[in-house]
Amino acid sequence: MQVNGRHASATTTGKKSRLTGGFIATALVAGMLLAGASGAIAQTTTMTCQSQWNDSPASEFCNTSWLYQVGSNVTDPSDAECDISATCSITFTHGTNGASSTTLTPSLSLSVFNMVNTDELDICVKEATDASGTVSYGAAVRTSCLANEYTSAQTTSGQFHD
């Protein structure tokens, strides 16, 4: 009397096929990930301080007098530094109907940034009101603006503040 129509070897062969197929699929995915990772490494090795600075929002408003890359022969851009000296100028309108205009001139004086963060440099503008109600503005060049600061794009995208 036959209880199961399959032979014991048929079940084993089915498992072996599934395992082999799973291994091949895993190997293909791993190969694609490695190819993508090596492409990313190749891409980041062409990164330079100049290209990162040119990609930063601050570069639109700044003139560099010094841009020097330290660690230019490294394969990992996060090991390189960009030394930057720059004079910046940002002008924006503000007040009722944009009747007032202010120009701020933050600068960098041999400031050192990690190369991978250099493209994030921006001019951050802060508005302050003193006890008498007088409004003043200040600016700094940073890799990210603080919660109470405005980016260069926010500051120059029309009337800054009523």
Protein backbone atom coordinates (compact mmCIF):
# COMPACT_ATOMS: atom_id res chain seq x y z
CA MET A 1 0.00 0.00 0.00
CA GLN A 2 1.38 3.42 -0.99
CA VAL A 3 0.58 6.31 1.33
CA ASN A 4 2.55 9.02 -0.44
CA GLY A 5 2.82 9.16 -4.20
CA ARG A 6 6.24 10.87 -4.08
CA HIS A 7 9.51 9.14 -3.63
CA ALA A 8 11.82 10.28 -0.88
CA SER A 9 14.38 11.33 -3.49
CA ALA A 10 11.86 13.60 -5.25
CA THR A 11 11.37 15.68 -2.11
CA THR A 12 15.13 15.99 -1.65
CA THR A 13 15.61 17.05 -5.28
CA GLY A 14 12.90 19.72 -4.91
CA LYS A 15 14.61 21.16 -1.82
CA LYS A 16 17.98 21.08 -3.54
CA SER A 17 16.57 23.01 -6.54
CA ARG A 18 15.02 25.65 -4.27
CA LEU A 19 18.27 26.02 -2.31
CA THR A 20 20.35 26.29 -5.49
CA GLY A 21 17.94 28.83 -6.98
CA GLY A 22 17.98 30.84 -3.74
CA PHE A 23 21.77 30.81 -3.71
CA ILE A 24 21.97 32.03 -7.30
CA ALA A 25 19.47 34.84 -6.61
CA THR A 26 21.41 35.87 -3.49
CA ALA A 27 24.69 35.83 -5.43
CA LEU A 28 23.18 38.02 -8.18
CA VAL A 29 21.87 40.57 -5.68
CA ALA A 30 25.20 40.64 -3.84
CA GLY A 31 27.02 41.15 -7.15
CA MET A 32 24.77 44.05 -8.10
CA LEU A 33 25.27 45.65 -4.67
CA LEU A 34 29.05 45.30 -4.98
CA ALA A 35 28.98 46.79 -8.46
CA GLY A 36 26.92 49.71 -7.15
CA ALA A 37 29.24 50.18 -4.18
CA SER A 38 32.35 50.19 -6.34
CA GLY A 39 30.64 52.71 -8.63
CA ALA A 40 29.90 54.92 -5.63
CA ILE A 41 33.51 54.68 -4.47
CA ALA A 42 34.73 55.56 -7.95
CA GLN A 43 32.35 58.50 -8.07
CA THR A 44 33.39 59.92 -4.69
CA THR A 45 37.10 59.71 -5.49
CA THR A 46 36.59 62.36 -8.20
CA MET A 47 35.17 64.73 -5.58
CA THR A 48 37.31 67.80 -4.95
CA CYS A 49 37.06 70.79 -2.66
CA GLN A 50 36.50 72.98 -5.70
CA SER A 51 33.61 70.86 -7.01
CA GLN A 52 32.06 70.62 -3.54
CA TRP A 53 32.40 74.39 -2.99
CA ASN A 54 30.86 75.09 -6.43
CA ASP A 55 27.86 72.93 -5.43
CA SER A 56 27.29 74.81 -2.15
CA PRO A 57 24.58 77.47 -1.80
CA ALA A 58 27.17 79.84 -0.26
CA SER A 59 29.38 79.88 -3.36
CA GLU A 60 26.77 81.95 -5.20
CA PHE A 61 27.33 84.80 -2.71
CA CYS A 62 31.05 84.42 -1.99
CA ASN A 63 34.42 85.10 -3.57
CA THR A 64 37.14 82.76 -2.44
CA SER A 65 40.61 84.06 -1.80
CA TRP A 66 41.85 80.67 -0.65
CA LEU A 67 40.54 77.17 -1.32
CA TYR A 68 42.98 74.44 -0.44
CA GLN A 69 42.43 70.70 -0.27
CA VAL A 70 44.25 68.79 2.47
CA GLY A 71 44.48 65.06 1.86
CA SER A 72 44.07 65.21 -1.91
CA ASN A 73 45.48 61.70 -2.42
CA VAL A 74 43.01 59.92 -0.16
CA THR A 75 40.57 57.40 -1.59
CA ASP A 76 37.86 58.26 0.93
CA PRO A 77 36.69 61.90 0.58
CA SER A 78 35.58 61.92 4.21
CA ASP A 79 39.31 61.82 5.09
CA ALA A 80 40.01 65.04 3.15
CA GLU A 81 39.55 68.60 4.38
CA CYS A 82 38.85 71.84 2.57
CA ASP A 83 40.50 74.99 3.93
CA ILE A 84 38.52 78.00 2.77
CA SER A 85 38.88 81.76 3.02
CA ALA A 86 36.07 83.68 1.39
CA THR A 87 34.35 87.04 1.52
CA CYS A 88 30.60 86.83 1.12
CA SER A 89 27.84 89.34 0.52
CA ILE A 90 24.10 88.72 0.65
CA THR A 91 21.50 91.44 0.00
CA PHE A 92 17.80 91.11 0.76
CA THR A 93 14.72 93.29 1.07
CA HIS A 94 12.59 93.40 4.19
CA GLY A 95 10.07 95.52 6.07
CA THR A 96 6.68 96.77 4.96
CA ASN A 97 6.30 96.10 1.24
CA GLY A 98 10.05 95.39 1.05
CA ALA A 99 10.86 99.08 1.55
CA SER A 100 14.19 98.34 3.24
CA SER A 101 17.26 96.54 1.98
CA THR A 102 20.13 95.09 3.95
CA THR A 103 23.49 93.72 2.85
CA LEU A 104 25.39 91.39 5.17
CA THR A 105 29.01 90.38 4.63
CA PRO A 106 29.89 87.22 6.53
CA SER A 107 33.26 85.69 5.76
CA LEU A 108 35.33 82.59 6.25
CA SER A 109 38.92 83.00 7.35
CA LEU A 110 40.91 79.82 6.79
CA SER A 111 37.95 77.78 7.97
CA VAL A 112 38.31 74.01 7.77
CA PHE A 113 35.49 71.74 6.63
CA ASN A 114 35.29 68.04 5.86
CA MET A 115 35.23 67.71 2.06
CA VAL A 116 31.95 65.77 2.02
CA ASN A 117 30.23 68.61 3.93
CA THR A 118 31.60 71.48 1.87
CA ASP A 119 28.70 71.34 -0.61
CA GLU A 120 26.32 72.05 2.30
CA LEU A 121 27.86 75.44 3.18
CA ASP A 122 25.25 78.18 3.17
CA ILE A 123 24.80 81.71 4.44
CA CYS A 124 22.52 81.61 7.46
CA VAL A 125 20.71 84.84 8.35
CA LYS A 126 19.33 85.57 11.78
CA GLU A 127 16.81 88.27 12.61
CA ALA A 128 16.85 89.77 16.11
CA THR A 129 14.62 92.34 17.78
CA ASP A 130 15.89 94.24 20.80
CA ALA A 131 13.81 95.55 23.74
CA SER A 132 13.03 98.83 21.94
CA GLY A 133 11.69 96.97 18.88
CA THR A 134 14.70 97.65 16.65
CA VAL A 135 15.29 94.79 14.22
CA SER A 136 18.81 93.78 13.28
CA TYR A 137 20.26 91.05 11.13
CA GLY A 138 23.37 88.91 11.34
CA ALA A 139 24.81 86.23 9.09
CA ALA A 140 27.27 83.36 9.27
CA VAL A 141 28.49 80.72 6.83
CA ARG A 142 27.72 77.22 8.12
CA THR A 143 27.08 73.69 6.89
CA SER A 144 23.53 73.91 8.23
CA CYS A 145 21.44 76.79 9.49
CA LEU A 146 20.13 76.76 13.04
CA ALA A 147 16.41 76.52 13.82
CA ASN A 148 16.10 80.31 14.25
CA GLU A 149 18.04 81.16 11.07
CA TYR A 150 17.08 81.46 7.42
CA THR A 151 18.98 79.89 4.51
CA SER A 152 20.28 82.05 1.68
CA ALA A 153 17.46 80.79 -0.55
CA GLN A 154 14.82 81.72 2.04
CA THR A 155 16.42 85.11 2.61
CA THR A 156 16.69 86.12 -1.04
CA SER A 157 13.48 84.59 -2.42
CA GLY A 158 11.60 87.88 -2.39
CA GLN A 159 10.68 89.99 0.56
CA PHE A 160 12.52 88.57 3.57
CA HIS A 161 10.20 89.65 6.35
CA ASP A 162 7.35 92.09 6.99
